[in-house]
Amino acid sequence: MTQEELARRLADTGLPVAYRAFRTRQDPPYLCYVYVYDAQFFADDVMYYSAGHYQVELYTSAKDPAAEAKVEAALEGLCWEKGEEYLQDEKVYQILYEIEV
């Protein structure tokens, strides 16, 4: 999967989506995604596999299982890990999905 394909999947949720950050203030819910690093699988001095690690961040003003379900449906077929944090200064929940594509 490419970064463009990931962006399309996220856009299909119907939520506003931006790479890294929006240029203007957004009202929640919205999504941001960002490339974090590449991981490679090496053996016998040969790189067999390289995968990009991305973070998909869902921001909501209240706990929103329906928005989370949309994101998780968009990530169907991918392995992901999920975490949650409340950002006090911004008064939003950040649901963080870590994926490898």
C-alpha atoms as a PDB file:
ATOM      1  CA  MET A   1       0.000   0.000   0.000  1.00  0.00           C
ATOM      2  CA  THR A   2       1.231   3.505  -0.804  1.00  0.00           C
ATOM      3  CA  GLN A   3       0.773   6.696   1.161  1.00  0.00           C
ATOM      4  CA  GLU A   4      -1.735   7.822  -1.471  1.00  0.00           C
ATOM      5  CA  GLU A   5      -3.788   4.646  -0.996  1.00  0.00           C
ATOM      6  CA  LEU A   6      -3.779   5.192   2.760  1.00  0.00           C
ATOM      7  CA  ALA A   7      -4.967   8.773   2.222  1.00  0.00           C
ATOM      8  CA  ARG A   8      -7.820   7.525   0.002  1.00  0.00           C
ATOM      9  CA  ARG A   9      -8.895   4.956   2.591  1.00  0.00           C
ATOM     10  CA  LEU A  10      -8.960   7.615   5.278  1.00  0.00           C
ATOM     11  CA  ALA A  11     -10.858  10.044   3.028  1.00  0.00           C
ATOM     12  CA  ASP A  12     -13.497   7.349   2.518  1.00  0.00           C
ATOM     13  CA  THR A  13     -14.409   7.709   6.216  1.00  0.00           C
ATOM     14  CA  GLY A  14     -16.064  11.027   5.378  1.00  0.00           C
ATOM     15  CA  LEU A  15     -13.994  12.760   8.068  1.00  0.00           C
ATOM     16  CA  PRO A  16     -11.689  15.675   7.218  1.00  0.00           C
ATOM     17  CA  VAL A  17      -8.160  14.323   6.616  1.00  0.00           C
ATOM     18  CA  ALA A  18      -4.751  16.003   6.458  1.00  0.00           C
ATOM     19  CA  TYR A  19      -1.170  14.843   6.305  1.00  0.00           C
ATOM     20  CA  ARG A  20       0.496  15.866   9.595  1.00  0.00           C
ATOM     21  CA  ALA A  21      -1.678  18.955  10.273  1.00  0.00           C
ATOM     22  CA  PHE A  22      -4.394  21.137   8.807  1.00  0.00           C
ATOM     23  CA  ARG A  23      -3.543  24.638   7.626  1.00  0.00           C
ATOM     24  CA  THR A  24      -6.641  26.015   9.347  1.00  0.00           C
ATOM     25  CA  ARG A  25      -8.370  25.111  12.603  1.00  0.00           C
ATOM     26  CA  GLN A  26     -10.725  22.127  12.336  1.00  0.00           C
ATOM     27  CA  ASP A  27     -13.657  21.224  14.525  1.00  0.00           C
ATOM     28  CA  PRO A  28     -13.532  17.599  15.676  1.00  0.00           C
ATOM     29  CA  PRO A  29     -13.883  14.900  14.577  1.00  0.00           C
ATOM     30  CA  TYR A  30     -11.015  14.925  12.091  1.00  0.00           C
ATOM     31  CA  LEU A  31      -8.018  12.797  11.084  1.00  0.00           C
ATOM     32  CA  CYS A  32      -4.305  13.443  10.639  1.00  0.00           C
ATOM     33  CA  TYR A  33      -1.783  10.897   9.466  1.00  0.00           C
ATOM     34  CA  VAL A  34       1.995  11.014   9.364  1.00  0.00           C
ATOM     35  CA  TYR A  35       4.893   8.850   8.217  1.00  0.00           C
ATOM     36  CA  VAL A  36       7.074   7.951  11.212  1.00  0.00           C
ATOM     37  CA  TYR A  37       9.817   5.603   9.979  1.00  0.00           C
ATOM     38  CA  ASP A  38      10.703   2.650   7.741  1.00  0.00           C
ATOM     39  CA  ALA A  39      11.445  -0.820   9.042  1.00  0.00           C
ATOM     40  CA  GLN A  40      13.414  -3.316   6.975  1.00  0.00           C
ATOM     41  CA  PHE A  41      13.833  -7.045   7.195  1.00  0.00           C
ATOM     42  CA  PHE A  42      17.422  -8.074   6.431  1.00  0.00           C
ATOM     43  CA  ALA A  43      18.932 -11.545   6.195  1.00  0.00           C
ATOM     44  CA  ASP A  44      22.214 -12.682   4.658  1.00  0.00           C
ATOM     45  CA  ASP A  45      23.108  -9.093   3.749  1.00  0.00           C
ATOM     46  CA  VAL A  46      19.941  -8.737   1.649  1.00  0.00           C
ATOM     47  CA  MET A  47      16.980  -6.478   2.362  1.00  0.00           C
ATOM     48  CA  TYR A  48      13.908  -8.604   1.727  1.00  0.00           C
ATOM     49  CA  TYR A  49      11.199  -6.288   2.944  1.00  0.00           C
ATOM     50  CA  SER A  50      10.687  -2.633   3.785  1.00  0.00           C
ATOM     51  CA  ALA A  51       7.557  -1.179   5.322  1.00  0.00           C
ATOM     52  CA  GLY A  52       6.577   2.338   6.267  1.00  0.00           C
ATOM     53  CA  HIS A  53       5.203   2.963   9.731  1.00  0.00           C
ATOM     54  CA  TYR A  54       2.454   5.565   9.948  1.00  0.00           C
ATOM     55  CA  GLN A  55       0.405   7.080  12.724  1.00  0.00           C
ATOM     56  CA  VAL A  56      -3.248   7.814  12.084  1.00  0.00           C
ATOM     57  CA  GLU A  57      -4.642  10.244  14.642  1.00  0.00           C
ATOM     58  CA  LEU A  58      -8.376  10.662  15.234  1.00  0.00           C
ATOM     59  CA  TYR A  59      -9.347  13.782  17.192  1.00  0.00           C
ATOM     60  CA  THR A  60     -12.784  14.002  18.831  1.00  0.00           C
ATOM     61  CA  SER A  61     -14.353  16.384  21.353  1.00  0.00           C
ATOM     62  CA  ALA A  62     -15.974  13.452  23.213  1.00  0.00           C
ATOM     63  CA  LYS A  63     -15.534   9.699  23.143  1.00  0.00           C
ATOM     64  CA  ASP A  64     -16.877   8.759  19.681  1.00  0.00           C
ATOM     65  CA  PRO A  65     -17.110   5.004  19.027  1.00  0.00           C
ATOM     66  CA  ALA A  66     -18.818   5.634  15.667  1.00  0.00           C
ATOM     67  CA  ALA A  67     -15.863   7.698  14.395  1.00  0.00           C
ATOM     68  CA  GLU A  68     -13.447   5.061  15.691  1.00  0.00           C
ATOM     69  CA  ALA A  69     -15.430   2.382  13.851  1.00  0.00           C
ATOM     70  CA  LYS A  70     -15.122   4.371  10.594  1.00  0.00           C
ATOM     71  CA  VAL A  71     -11.350   4.570  10.963  1.00  0.00           C
ATOM     72  CA  GLU A  72     -11.065   0.895  11.869  1.00  0.00           C
ATOM     73  CA  ALA A  73     -13.173  -0.041   8.826  1.00  0.00           C
ATOM     74  CA  ALA A  74     -10.808   2.033   6.646  1.00  0.00           C
ATOM     75  CA  LEU A  75      -7.851   0.134   8.109  1.00  0.00           C
ATOM     76  CA  GLU A  76      -9.413  -3.264   7.417  1.00  0.00           C
ATOM     77  CA  GLY A  77      -6.813  -5.776   6.288  1.00  0.00           C
ATOM     78  CA  LEU A  78      -3.958  -3.897   7.968  1.00  0.00           C
ATOM     79  CA  CYS A  79      -2.366  -4.699  11.310  1.00  0.00           C
ATOM     80  CA  TRP A  80      -2.753  -1.815  13.722  1.00  0.00           C
ATOM     81  CA  GLU A  81      -2.293  -0.924  17.353  1.00  0.00           C
ATOM     82  CA  LYS A  82      -4.535   1.584  19.087  1.00  0.00           C
ATOM     83  CA  GLY A  83      -4.059   3.963  21.998  1.00  0.00           C
ATOM     84  CA  GLU A  84      -5.982   6.844  23.500  1.00  0.00           C
ATOM     85  CA  GLU A  85      -5.068  10.071  25.237  1.00  0.00           C
ATOM     86  CA  TYR A  86      -6.957  13.170  26.341  1.00  0.00           C
ATOM     87  CA  LEU A  87      -5.173  16.388  25.336  1.00  0.00           C
ATOM     88  CA  GLN A  88      -6.145  18.751  28.157  1.00  0.00           C
ATOM     89  CA  ASP A  89      -4.870  21.959  26.520  1.00  0.00           C
ATOM     90  CA  GLU A  90      -6.866  21.313  23.350  1.00  0.00           C
ATOM     91  CA  LYS A  91      -9.787  19.600  25.112  1.00  0.00           C
ATOM     92  CA  VAL A  92      -9.889  16.739  22.611  1.00  0.00           C
ATOM     93  CA  TYR A  93      -9.421  13.010  22.656  1.00  0.00           C
ATOM     94  CA  GLN A  94      -6.618  11.685  20.478  1.00  0.00           C
ATOM     95  CA  ILE A  95      -7.118   8.112  19.309  1.00  0.00           C
ATOM     96  CA  LEU A  96      -3.825   6.949  17.843  1.00  0.00           C
ATOM     97  CA  TYR A  97      -3.554   4.067  15.375  1.00  0.00           C
ATOM     98  CA  GLU A  98      -0.078   2.808  14.520  1.00  0.00           C
ATOM     99  CA  ILE A  99       0.081   0.898  11.248  1.00  0.00           C
ATOM    100  CA  GLU A 100       2.630  -0.610   8.880  1.00  0.00           C
ATOM    101  CA  VAL A 101       2.113  -0.306   5.137  1.00  0.00           C
END
